[in-house]
Amino acid sequence: MNQALRTTAVLAVLLAAAGCSRSVPSYYDSGPAPLTPAPTGRVAANQLPPPPPPPPPGNDFDSATDSDGAEASPSGDQSDASATGDQQNTQVAAVSQPALSRNSVLGAYKVTTDGGNCQIILSLTKWSGGYRAASRGCPGRVADVSAWDVSGSQVVLKDGSGSNVANLSSSGDSRYEGRTTGGQSISLYR
């Protein structure tokens, strides 16, 4: 009986293989028809301009005095703002920022810090100390950033053990500035 089953199985496999040998459409034998080439025009070769440098760290808008030590008015306007070219920064400071949410902070940022420039990516994956963050090419304590969260109106960057690395406040559209626990200035922007 085993002999009969084996013979039947071998015959079934051979018949299946023989039946499949010509089931492939014939155009596979010669290949598909070639495509007609698209017309090409002249290609101009010009040198691209260099990329713009990263913006310098902005002014600290949390202080009530300007760089000269003069008291700023409550609206954020400075009497000599147009003379010093700080009018644009003053207007940014005068605009009230909406409350921070994790979704509004989420994403990839360029980072400027005292030690150089780098990148940080903030995701919504749960991680020790908050949510997952990844730094790339960052110097000093900023290289230790592996978690983040929003606390009130601040973005808090943390290391793998959950200790604070930096606290940042919003200073305009998708820009956050602050200091590391070691005193380095740090700016995140996109």
N, C-alpha and C. Protein backbone atom coordinates (compact mmCIF):
# COMPACT_ATOMS: atom_id res chain seq x y z
N MET A 1 0.81 -1.19 0.00
CA MET A 1 0.00 0.00 0.00
C MET A 1 0.87 1.27 0.00
N ASN A 2 1.97 1.24 0.75
CA ASN A 2 2.88 2.38 0.75
C ASN A 2 3.47 2.60 -0.63
N GLN A 3 3.76 1.51 -1.33
CA GLN A 3 4.31 1.60 -2.67
C GLN A 3 3.31 2.29 -3.60
N ALA A 4 2.04 1.97 -3.48
CA ALA A 4 1.02 2.55 -4.34
C ALA A 4 0.84 4.04 -4.05
N LEU A 5 0.90 4.42 -2.77
CA LEU A 5 0.79 5.84 -2.41
C LEU A 5 1.97 6.64 -2.94
N ARG A 6 3.14 6.08 -2.83
CA ARG A 6 4.33 6.78 -3.34
C ARG A 6 4.25 6.95 -4.85
N THR A 7 3.86 5.92 -5.52
CA THR A 7 3.76 5.99 -6.97
C THR A 7 2.71 7.02 -7.38
N THR A 8 1.59 7.05 -6.70
CA THR A 8 0.53 8.01 -7.00
C THR A 8 1.00 9.44 -6.74
N ALA A 9 1.73 9.64 -5.64
CA ALA A 9 2.23 10.97 -5.31
C ALA A 9 3.24 11.45 -6.35
N VAL A 10 4.14 10.56 -6.77
CA VAL A 10 5.14 10.92 -7.78
C VAL A 10 4.46 11.25 -9.09
N LEU A 11 3.48 10.47 -9.51
CA LEU A 11 2.76 10.74 -10.75
C LEU A 11 2.01 12.07 -10.68
N ALA A 12 1.41 12.37 -9.53
CA ALA A 12 0.68 13.63 -9.36
C ALA A 12 1.63 14.82 -9.49
N VAL A 13 2.81 14.72 -8.90
CA VAL A 13 3.80 15.80 -8.98
C VAL A 13 4.27 15.96 -10.42
N LEU A 14 4.55 14.85 -11.11
CA LEU A 14 4.99 14.93 -12.51
C LEU A 14 3.92 15.53 -13.41
N LEU A 15 2.67 15.14 -13.21
CA LEU A 15 1.58 15.70 -14.02
C LEU A 15 1.41 17.20 -13.75
N ALA A 16 1.52 17.58 -12.49
CA ALA A 16 1.40 19.01 -12.15
C ALA A 16 2.52 19.80 -12.78
N ALA A 17 3.74 19.26 -12.74
CA ALA A 17 4.88 19.95 -13.33
C ALA A 17 4.73 20.04 -14.84
N ALA A 18 4.25 18.97 -15.46
CA ALA A 18 4.07 18.97 -16.91
C ALA A 18 2.96 19.94 -17.31
N GLY A 19 1.92 20.02 -16.51
CA GLY A 19 0.82 20.92 -16.83
C GLY A 19 1.21 22.39 -16.66
N CYS A 20 2.15 22.68 -15.76
CA CYS A 20 2.57 24.07 -15.50
C CYS A 20 3.60 24.55 -16.48
N SER A 21 4.23 23.64 -17.21
CA SER A 21 5.34 24.06 -18.05
C SER A 21 4.90 24.97 -19.19
N ARG A 22 3.68 24.90 -19.66
CA ARG A 22 3.21 25.76 -20.75
C ARG A 22 2.11 26.70 -20.31
N SER A 23 1.93 26.87 -19.00
CA SER A 23 0.87 27.76 -18.54
C SER A 23 1.32 29.22 -18.52
N VAL A 24 2.59 29.48 -18.80
CA VAL A 24 3.11 30.84 -18.82
C VAL A 24 2.77 31.47 -20.17
N PRO A 25 2.24 32.70 -20.19
CA PRO A 25 1.91 33.33 -21.47
C PRO A 25 3.12 33.43 -22.39
N SER A 26 2.84 33.42 -23.67
CA SER A 26 3.92 33.36 -24.65
C SER A 26 4.74 34.65 -24.72
N TYR A 27 4.20 35.79 -24.30
CA TYR A 27 4.98 37.03 -24.41
C TYR A 27 6.15 37.04 -23.44
N TYR A 28 6.17 36.15 -22.43
CA TYR A 28 7.33 36.07 -21.55
C TYR A 28 8.52 35.46 -22.27
N ASP A 29 8.26 34.67 -23.30
CA ASP A 29 9.35 34.05 -24.04
C ASP A 29 10.15 35.10 -24.81
N SER A 30 9.46 36.05 -25.42
CA SER A 30 10.17 37.06 -26.22
C SER A 30 10.32 38.37 -25.46
N GLY A 31 9.64 38.52 -24.38
CA GLY A 31 9.73 39.75 -23.58
C GLY A 31 8.70 40.76 -24.04
N PRO A 32 8.43 41.76 -23.21
CA PRO A 32 7.45 42.78 -23.60
C PRO A 32 8.02 43.68 -24.69
N ALA A 33 7.13 44.34 -25.40
CA ALA A 33 7.56 45.23 -26.46
C ALA A 33 8.34 46.40 -25.85
N PRO A 34 9.39 46.84 -26.51
CA PRO A 34 10.18 47.95 -25.95
C PRO A 34 9.38 49.25 -25.98
N LEU A 35 9.65 50.10 -24.98
CA LEU A 35 9.01 51.40 -24.91
C LEU A 35 9.67 52.36 -25.88
N THR A 36 8.90 53.29 -26.40
CA THR A 36 9.49 54.31 -27.26
C THR A 36 10.16 55.35 -26.37
N PRO A 37 11.37 55.77 -26.71
CA PRO A 37 12.09 56.72 -25.86
C PRO A 37 11.39 58.08 -25.86
N ALA A 38 11.44 58.74 -24.72
CA ALA A 38 10.88 60.08 -24.59
C ALA A 38 11.86 61.08 -25.19
N PRO A 39 11.33 62.11 -25.84
CA PRO A 39 12.24 63.11 -26.41
C PRO A 39 12.94 63.86 -25.27
N THR A 40 14.19 64.18 -25.51
CA THR A 40 14.94 64.94 -24.51
C THR A 40 15.32 66.29 -25.08
N GLY A 41 15.31 67.27 -24.23
CA GLY A 41 15.74 68.61 -24.63
C GLY A 41 17.13 68.86 -24.09
N ARG A 42 17.54 70.08 -24.20
CA ARG A 42 18.85 70.45 -23.68
C ARG A 42 18.77 70.54 -22.16
N VAL A 43 19.81 70.13 -21.54
CA VAL A 43 19.91 70.22 -20.09
C VAL A 43 20.95 71.28 -19.76
N ALA A 44 20.52 72.27 -18.97
CA ALA A 44 21.45 73.32 -18.59
C ALA A 44 22.15 72.92 -17.30
N ALA A 45 23.41 73.21 -17.21
CA ALA A 45 24.18 72.91 -16.00
C ALA A 45 24.64 74.23 -15.38
N ASN A 46 24.07 74.56 -14.25
CA ASN A 46 24.46 75.76 -13.53
C ASN A 46 24.84 75.39 -12.11
N GLN A 47 25.69 76.19 -11.50
CA GLN A 47 26.10 75.96 -10.12
C GLN A 47 24.97 76.41 -9.19
N LEU A 48 24.61 75.56 -8.22
CA LEU A 48 23.60 75.92 -7.24
C LEU A 48 24.20 76.89 -6.22
N PRO A 49 23.38 77.80 -5.70
CA PRO A 49 23.90 78.68 -4.67
C PRO A 49 24.15 77.89 -3.39
N PRO A 50 25.06 78.36 -2.53
CA PRO A 50 25.32 77.64 -1.29
C PRO A 50 24.08 77.67 -0.39
N PRO A 51 23.91 76.66 0.46
CA PRO A 51 22.75 76.66 1.36
C PRO A 51 22.88 77.79 2.37
N PRO A 52 21.75 78.29 2.85
CA PRO A 52 21.82 79.37 3.83
C PRO A 52 22.36 78.86 5.16
N PRO A 53 23.07 79.70 5.90
CA PRO A 53 23.57 79.28 7.21
C PRO A 53 22.41 79.17 8.19
N PRO A 54 22.57 78.38 9.25
CA PRO A 54 21.49 78.30 10.24
C PRO A 54 21.31 79.64 10.92
N PRO A 55 20.07 79.96 11.29
CA PRO A 55 19.86 81.25 11.94
C PRO A 55 20.58 81.30 13.28
N PRO A 56 21.07 82.46 13.65
CA PRO A 56 21.75 82.57 14.94
C PRO A 56 20.75 82.42 16.07
N PRO A 57 21.22 82.00 17.23
CA PRO A 57 20.30 81.93 18.37
C PRO A 57 19.65 83.28 18.60
N GLY A 58 18.33 83.27 18.83
CA GLY A 58 17.59 84.52 19.02
C GLY A 58 17.77 85.09 20.41
N ASN A 59 17.16 86.22 20.61
CA ASN A 59 17.20 86.87 21.91
C ASN A 59 16.34 86.12 22.90
N ASP A 60 16.65 86.23 24.19
CA ASP A 60 15.84 85.62 25.24
C ASP A 60 14.66 86.53 25.49
N PHE A 61 13.46 86.10 25.10
CA PHE A 61 12.28 86.95 25.20
C PHE A 61 11.63 86.90 26.58
N ASP A 62 12.16 86.03 27.46
CA ASP A 62 11.56 85.92 28.78
C ASP A 62 11.99 87.05 29.71
N SER A 63 13.08 87.74 29.38
CA SER A 63 13.54 88.80 30.28
C SER A 63 12.75 90.07 30.04
N ALA A 64 12.66 90.89 31.06
CA ALA A 64 11.91 92.13 30.98
C ALA A 64 12.80 93.29 30.59
N THR A 65 14.07 93.04 30.30
CA THR A 65 14.97 94.10 29.88
C THR A 65 15.58 93.75 28.55
N ASP A 66 15.99 94.78 27.80
CA ASP A 66 16.66 94.53 26.53
C ASP A 66 18.16 94.38 26.78
N SER A 67 18.95 94.24 25.71
CA SER A 67 20.38 94.00 25.86
C SER A 67 21.11 95.17 26.49
N ASP A 68 20.55 96.38 26.44
CA ASP A 68 21.19 97.54 27.05
C ASP A 68 20.82 97.69 28.52
N GLY A 69 19.94 96.82 29.02
CA GLY A 69 19.53 96.90 30.40
C GLY A 69 18.33 97.80 30.59
N ALA A 70 17.79 98.40 29.50
CA ALA A 70 16.63 99.27 29.61
C ALA A 70 15.39 98.41 29.72
N GLU A 71 14.43 98.86 30.49
CA GLU A 71 13.21 98.09 30.70
C GLU A 71 12.35 98.14 29.44
N ALA A 72 11.86 97.01 29.00
CA ALA A 72 10.99 96.94 27.83
C ALA A 72 9.56 97.24 28.27
N SER A 73 8.78 97.77 27.34
CA SER A 73 7.39 98.07 27.67
C SER A 73 6.59 96.78 27.71
N PRO A 74 5.43 96.74 28.38
CA PRO A 74 4.65 95.51 28.49
C PRO A 74 4.26 94.91 27.16
N SER A 75 4.08 95.72 26.13
CA SER A 75 3.67 95.18 24.84
C SER A 75 4.82 94.54 24.09
N GLY A 76 6.05 94.67 24.60
CA GLY A 76 7.20 94.09 23.92
C GLY A 76 7.85 95.06 22.97
N ASP A 77 7.28 96.25 22.74
CA ASP A 77 7.88 97.23 21.85
C ASP A 77 9.04 97.91 22.54
N GLN A 78 10.08 98.20 21.81
CA GLN A 78 11.22 98.92 22.34
C GLN A 78 11.33 100.21 21.56
N SER A 79 11.66 101.29 22.22
CA SER A 79 11.69 102.58 21.55
C SER A 79 12.77 102.64 20.49
N ASP A 80 13.87 101.93 20.66
CA ASP A 80 14.94 101.98 19.67
C ASP A 80 14.98 100.71 18.82
N ALA A 81 13.88 99.95 18.74
CA ALA A 81 13.86 98.69 17.99
C ALA A 81 14.17 98.90 16.52
N SER A 82 13.60 99.93 15.90
CA SER A 82 13.87 100.13 14.47
C SER A 82 15.30 100.59 14.26
N ALA A 83 15.88 101.26 15.22
CA ALA A 83 17.25 101.72 15.06
C ALA A 83 18.24 100.56 15.19
N THR A 84 17.91 99.55 15.98
CA THR A 84 18.84 98.44 16.17
C THR A 84 18.54 97.26 15.27
N GLY A 85 17.44 97.27 14.53
CA GLY A 85 17.10 96.17 13.64
C GLY A 85 16.42 95.03 14.37
N ASP A 86 16.00 95.23 15.62
CA ASP A 86 15.36 94.19 16.40
C ASP A 86 13.85 94.22 16.30
N GLN A 87 13.31 95.02 15.40
CA GLN A 87 11.86 95.16 15.31
C GLN A 87 11.20 93.82 15.00
N GLN A 88 11.80 93.06 14.12
CA GLN A 88 11.21 91.77 13.76
C GLN A 88 11.16 90.85 14.97
N ASN A 89 12.25 90.76 15.76
CA ASN A 89 12.26 89.92 16.95
C ASN A 89 11.26 90.42 17.98
N THR A 90 11.09 91.73 18.09
CA THR A 90 10.17 92.31 19.05
C THR A 90 8.74 91.93 18.70
N GLN A 91 8.42 91.92 17.39
CA GLN A 91 7.07 91.55 16.98
C GLN A 91 6.79 90.09 17.30
N VAL A 92 7.77 89.23 17.16
CA VAL A 92 7.59 87.83 17.48
C VAL A 92 7.33 87.68 18.96
N ALA A 93 8.02 88.43 19.80
CA ALA A 93 7.86 88.33 21.24
C ALA A 93 6.50 88.85 21.68
N ALA A 94 5.96 89.83 20.95
CA ALA A 94 4.70 90.44 21.35
C ALA A 94 3.51 89.54 21.05
N VAL A 95 3.65 88.61 20.10
CA VAL A 95 2.56 87.73 19.74
C VAL A 95 2.41 86.67 20.83
N SER A 96 1.20 86.50 21.33
CA SER A 96 1.01 85.49 22.36
C SER A 96 1.01 84.11 21.72
N GLN A 97 1.72 83.18 22.32
CA GLN A 97 1.85 81.84 21.78
C GLN A 97 0.71 80.96 22.29
N PRO A 98 0.18 80.09 21.43
CA PRO A 98 -0.85 79.16 21.91
C PRO A 98 -0.21 78.15 22.87
N ALA A 99 -1.04 77.52 23.67
CA ALA A 99 -0.54 76.52 24.60
C ALA A 99 0.15 75.41 23.83
N LEU A 100 1.25 74.92 24.39
CA LEU A 100 2.00 73.86 23.72
C LEU A 100 1.29 72.53 23.89
N SER A 101 1.29 71.75 22.85
CA SER A 101 0.79 70.39 22.91
C SER A 101 1.86 69.48 22.33
N ARG A 102 1.83 68.23 22.68
CA ARG A 102 2.83 67.29 22.15
C ARG A 102 2.75 67.23 20.63
N ASN A 103 1.53 67.25 20.08
CA ASN A 103 1.38 67.17 18.63
C ASN A 103 1.95 68.40 17.92
N SER A 104 1.91 69.57 18.56
CA SER A 104 2.45 70.76 17.91
C SER A 104 3.97 70.80 17.96
N VAL A 105 4.57 70.07 18.89
CA VAL A 105 6.03 70.06 19.04
C VAL A 105 6.66 68.90 18.26
N LEU A 106 5.93 67.85 18.07
CA LEU A 106 6.37 66.63 17.42
C LEU A 106 7.08 66.90 16.10
N GLY A 107 8.20 66.20 15.82
CA GLY A 107 8.84 66.30 14.52
C GLY A 107 10.35 66.42 14.59
N ALA A 108 10.96 66.75 13.45
CA ALA A 108 12.41 66.87 13.32
C ALA A 108 12.81 68.34 13.42
N TYR A 109 13.91 68.58 14.12
CA TYR A 109 14.39 69.94 14.34
C TYR A 109 15.88 70.03 14.06
N LYS A 110 16.30 71.19 13.59
CA LYS A 110 17.71 71.55 13.54
C LYS A 110 18.01 72.17 14.89
N VAL A 111 19.21 71.98 15.38
CA VAL A 111 19.57 72.46 16.70
C VAL A 111 20.83 73.31 16.60
N THR A 112 20.80 74.47 17.25
CA THR A 112 21.97 75.31 17.40
C THR A 112 22.26 75.39 18.89
N THR A 113 23.48 75.05 19.26
CA THR A 113 23.88 75.11 20.65
C THR A 113 25.29 75.68 20.73
N ASP A 114 25.75 76.00 21.93
CA ASP A 114 27.08 76.61 22.09
C ASP A 114 28.18 75.75 21.47
N GLY A 115 28.00 74.43 21.45
CA GLY A 115 29.01 73.53 20.93
C GLY A 115 28.93 73.27 19.44
N GLY A 116 27.88 73.72 18.75
CA GLY A 116 27.75 73.48 17.32
C GLY A 116 26.31 73.26 16.90
N ASN A 117 26.14 72.68 15.71
CA ASN A 117 24.81 72.42 15.14
C ASN A 117 24.59 70.92 15.03
N CYS A 118 23.33 70.50 15.13
CA CYS A 118 23.00 69.09 15.02
C CYS A 118 21.51 68.95 14.73
N GLN A 119 20.97 67.75 14.91
CA GLN A 119 19.55 67.49 14.67
C GLN A 119 18.96 66.71 15.83
N ILE A 120 17.67 66.96 16.10
CA ILE A 120 16.92 66.20 17.09
C ILE A 120 15.57 65.85 16.49
N ILE A 121 15.14 64.61 16.69
CA ILE A 121 13.83 64.16 16.23
C ILE A 121 13.00 63.78 17.45
N LEU A 122 11.81 64.34 17.55
CA LEU A 122 10.90 64.09 18.67
C LEU A 122 9.72 63.28 18.17
N SER A 123 9.52 62.09 18.74
CA SER A 123 8.42 61.22 18.31
C SER A 123 7.44 61.02 19.46
N LEU A 124 6.31 60.37 19.17
CA LEU A 124 5.30 60.11 20.19
C LEU A 124 5.35 58.67 20.71
N THR A 125 6.49 58.02 20.58
CA THR A 125 6.66 56.69 21.12
C THR A 125 6.98 56.82 22.61
N LYS A 126 6.21 56.13 23.46
CA LYS A 126 6.44 56.20 24.91
C LYS A 126 7.87 55.76 25.22
N TRP A 127 8.52 56.48 26.12
CA TRP A 127 9.90 56.20 26.49
C TRP A 127 10.09 56.59 27.94
N SER A 128 11.13 56.10 28.56
CA SER A 128 11.36 56.46 29.96
C SER A 128 11.53 57.96 30.09
N GLY A 129 10.75 58.56 30.94
CA GLY A 129 10.84 60.00 31.13
C GLY A 129 9.93 60.78 30.21
N GLY A 130 9.16 60.14 29.36
CA GLY A 130 8.27 60.86 28.45
C GLY A 130 8.10 60.15 27.13
N TYR A 131 8.56 60.81 26.07
CA TYR A 131 8.43 60.28 24.72
C TYR A 131 9.80 60.21 24.08
N ARG A 132 9.96 59.34 23.11
CA ARG A 132 11.25 59.05 22.48
C ARG A 132 11.77 60.26 21.71
N ALA A 133 13.07 60.52 21.89
CA ALA A 133 13.78 61.56 21.14
C ALA A 133 15.10 60.96 20.68
N ALA A 134 15.61 61.46 19.57
CA ALA A 134 16.91 60.99 19.07
C ALA A 134 17.71 62.19 18.62
N SER A 135 18.94 62.29 19.12
CA SER A 135 19.82 63.38 18.69
C SER A 135 20.84 62.80 17.71
N ARG A 136 21.25 63.64 16.78
CA ARG A 136 22.20 63.19 15.75
C ARG A 136 23.29 64.24 15.60
N GLY A 137 24.50 63.88 16.00
CA GLY A 137 25.65 64.77 15.83
C GLY A 137 25.69 65.92 16.81
N CYS A 138 25.01 65.78 17.94
CA CYS A 138 24.94 66.88 18.91
C CYS A 138 26.13 66.85 19.86
N PRO A 139 26.62 68.02 20.25
CA PRO A 139 27.75 68.09 21.19
C PRO A 139 27.28 68.16 22.64
N GLY A 140 28.17 67.86 23.56
CA GLY A 140 27.93 68.06 24.99
C GLY A 140 26.72 67.29 25.50
N ARG A 141 26.02 67.88 26.46
CA ARG A 141 24.86 67.25 27.09
C ARG A 141 23.72 67.02 26.11
N VAL A 142 23.66 67.79 25.04
CA VAL A 142 22.57 67.64 24.07
C VAL A 142 22.66 66.27 23.39
N ALA A 143 23.85 65.69 23.31
CA ALA A 143 24.01 64.35 22.73
C ALA A 143 23.32 63.30 23.57
N ASP A 144 23.07 63.57 24.85
CA ASP A 144 22.43 62.61 25.75
C ASP A 144 20.91 62.59 25.63
N VAL A 145 20.32 63.50 24.85
CA VAL A 145 18.87 63.59 24.76
C VAL A 145 18.31 62.30 24.16
N SER A 146 17.41 61.65 24.92
CA SER A 146 16.75 60.45 24.40
C SER A 146 15.26 60.44 24.74
N ALA A 147 14.77 61.50 25.42
CA ALA A 147 13.35 61.59 25.74
C ALA A 147 12.96 63.07 25.77
N TRP A 148 11.67 63.32 25.66
CA TRP A 148 11.15 64.69 25.71
C TRP A 148 9.72 64.66 26.22
N ASP A 149 9.22 65.82 26.60
CA ASP A 149 7.83 65.96 26.98
C ASP A 149 7.50 67.45 27.02
N VAL A 150 6.23 67.76 27.12
CA VAL A 150 5.77 69.14 27.28
C VAL A 150 5.32 69.29 28.72
N SER A 151 5.81 70.33 29.38
CA SER A 151 5.44 70.63 30.75
C SER A 151 4.96 72.08 30.79
N GLY A 152 3.64 72.27 30.82
CA GLY A 152 3.10 73.63 30.80
C GLY A 152 3.39 74.30 29.47
N SER A 153 4.16 75.37 29.51
CA SER A 153 4.50 76.10 28.28
C SER A 153 5.93 75.83 27.86
N GLN A 154 6.55 74.77 28.38
CA GLN A 154 7.93 74.46 28.04
C GLN A 154 8.07 73.07 27.44
N VAL A 155 9.08 72.94 26.57
CA VAL A 155 9.50 71.65 26.05
C VAL A 155 10.67 71.21 26.92
N VAL A 156 10.58 70.01 27.47
CA VAL A 156 11.63 69.50 28.35
C VAL A 156 12.34 68.36 27.64
N LEU A 157 13.66 68.48 27.48
CA LEU A 157 14.47 67.43 26.89
C LEU A 157 15.13 66.66 28.03
N LYS A 158 15.13 65.31 27.94
CA LYS A 158 15.64 64.47 29.02
C LYS A 158 16.63 63.45 28.49
N ASP A 159 17.47 62.93 29.40
CA ASP A 159 18.41 61.87 29.00
C ASP A 159 17.78 60.50 29.25
N GLY A 160 18.52 59.44 29.05
CA GLY A 160 18.00 58.08 29.16
C GLY A 160 17.52 57.72 30.56
N SER A 161 18.05 58.39 31.58
CA SER A 161 17.63 58.09 32.95
C SER A 161 16.45 58.95 33.39
N GLY A 162 15.97 59.84 32.51
CA GLY A 162 14.83 60.69 32.83
C GLY A 162 15.21 62.02 33.46
N SER A 163 16.51 62.32 33.57
CA SER A 163 16.97 63.60 34.13
C SER A 163 16.87 64.69 33.07
N ASN A 164 16.51 65.90 33.49
CA ASN A 164 16.39 67.01 32.56
C ASN A 164 17.74 67.36 31.95
N VAL A 165 17.74 67.55 30.64
CA VAL A 165 18.92 68.02 29.92
C VAL A 165 18.74 69.49 29.59
N ALA A 166 17.51 69.89 29.19
CA ALA A 166 17.25 71.29 28.82
C ALA A 166 15.77 71.60 28.95
N ASN A 167 15.47 72.85 29.24
CA ASN A 167 14.10 73.38 29.23
C ASN A 167 14.06 74.47 28.18
N LEU A 168 13.06 74.41 27.28
CA LEU A 168 12.96 75.36 26.19
C LEU A 168 11.57 75.98 26.17
N SER A 169 11.51 77.25 25.80
CA SER A 169 10.24 77.95 25.65
C SER A 169 10.06 78.33 24.19
N SER A 170 8.83 78.42 23.75
CA SER A 170 8.53 78.80 22.37
C SER A 170 8.92 80.26 22.16
N SER A 171 9.60 80.52 21.04
CA SER A 171 9.98 81.90 20.71
C SER A 171 9.54 82.25 19.31
N GLY A 172 8.48 81.64 18.85
CA GLY A 172 7.98 81.94 17.52
C GLY A 172 7.52 80.66 16.85
N ASP A 173 7.23 80.77 15.58
CA ASP A 173 6.70 79.66 14.81
C ASP A 173 7.72 78.53 14.72
N SER A 174 7.43 77.40 15.36
CA SER A 174 8.27 76.19 15.34
C SER A 174 9.70 76.46 15.78
N ARG A 175 9.89 77.33 16.75
CA ARG A 175 11.22 77.63 17.28
C ARG A 175 11.13 77.62 18.80
N TYR A 176 12.08 76.92 19.43
CA TYR A 176 12.12 76.80 20.88
C TYR A 176 13.53 77.11 21.36
N GLU A 177 13.64 77.93 22.39
CA GLU A 177 14.94 78.34 22.89
C GLU A 177 15.00 78.17 24.40
N GLY A 178 16.20 77.88 24.89
CA GLY A 178 16.38 77.75 26.32
C GLY A 178 17.82 77.44 26.65
N ARG A 179 18.02 76.79 27.79
CA ARG A 179 19.36 76.45 28.27
C ARG A 179 19.38 75.01 28.77
N THR A 180 20.55 74.38 28.62
CA THR A 180 20.72 73.05 29.19
C THR A 180 20.95 73.21 30.69
N THR A 181 20.89 72.11 31.42
CA THR A 181 21.14 72.17 32.85
C THR A 181 22.58 72.58 33.13
N GLY A 182 23.47 72.41 32.16
CA GLY A 182 24.86 72.83 32.29
C GLY A 182 25.10 74.28 31.89
N GLY A 183 24.05 74.98 31.45
CA GLY A 183 24.18 76.40 31.10
C GLY A 183 24.38 76.71 29.63
N GLN A 184 24.45 75.70 28.75
CA GLN A 184 24.59 75.94 27.31
C GLN A 184 23.28 76.51 26.76
N SER A 185 23.38 77.48 25.86
CA SER A 185 22.17 77.94 25.18
C SER A 185 21.82 76.91 24.10
N ILE A 186 20.53 76.73 23.84
CA ILE A 186 20.09 75.74 22.85
C ILE A 186 18.85 76.28 22.14
N SER A 187 18.81 76.11 20.81
CA SER A 187 17.67 76.51 19.99
C SER A 187 17.26 75.35 19.10
N LEU A 188 15.98 75.04 19.09
CA LEU A 188 15.41 74.05 18.17
C LEU A 188 14.57 74.82 17.17
N TYR A 189 14.73 74.56 15.89
CA TYR A 189 13.95 75.24 14.85
C TYR A 189 13.80 74.33 13.65
N ARG A 190 12.75 74.65 12.82
CA ARG A 190 12.57 73.89 11.58
C ARG A 190 12.46 74.85 10.43
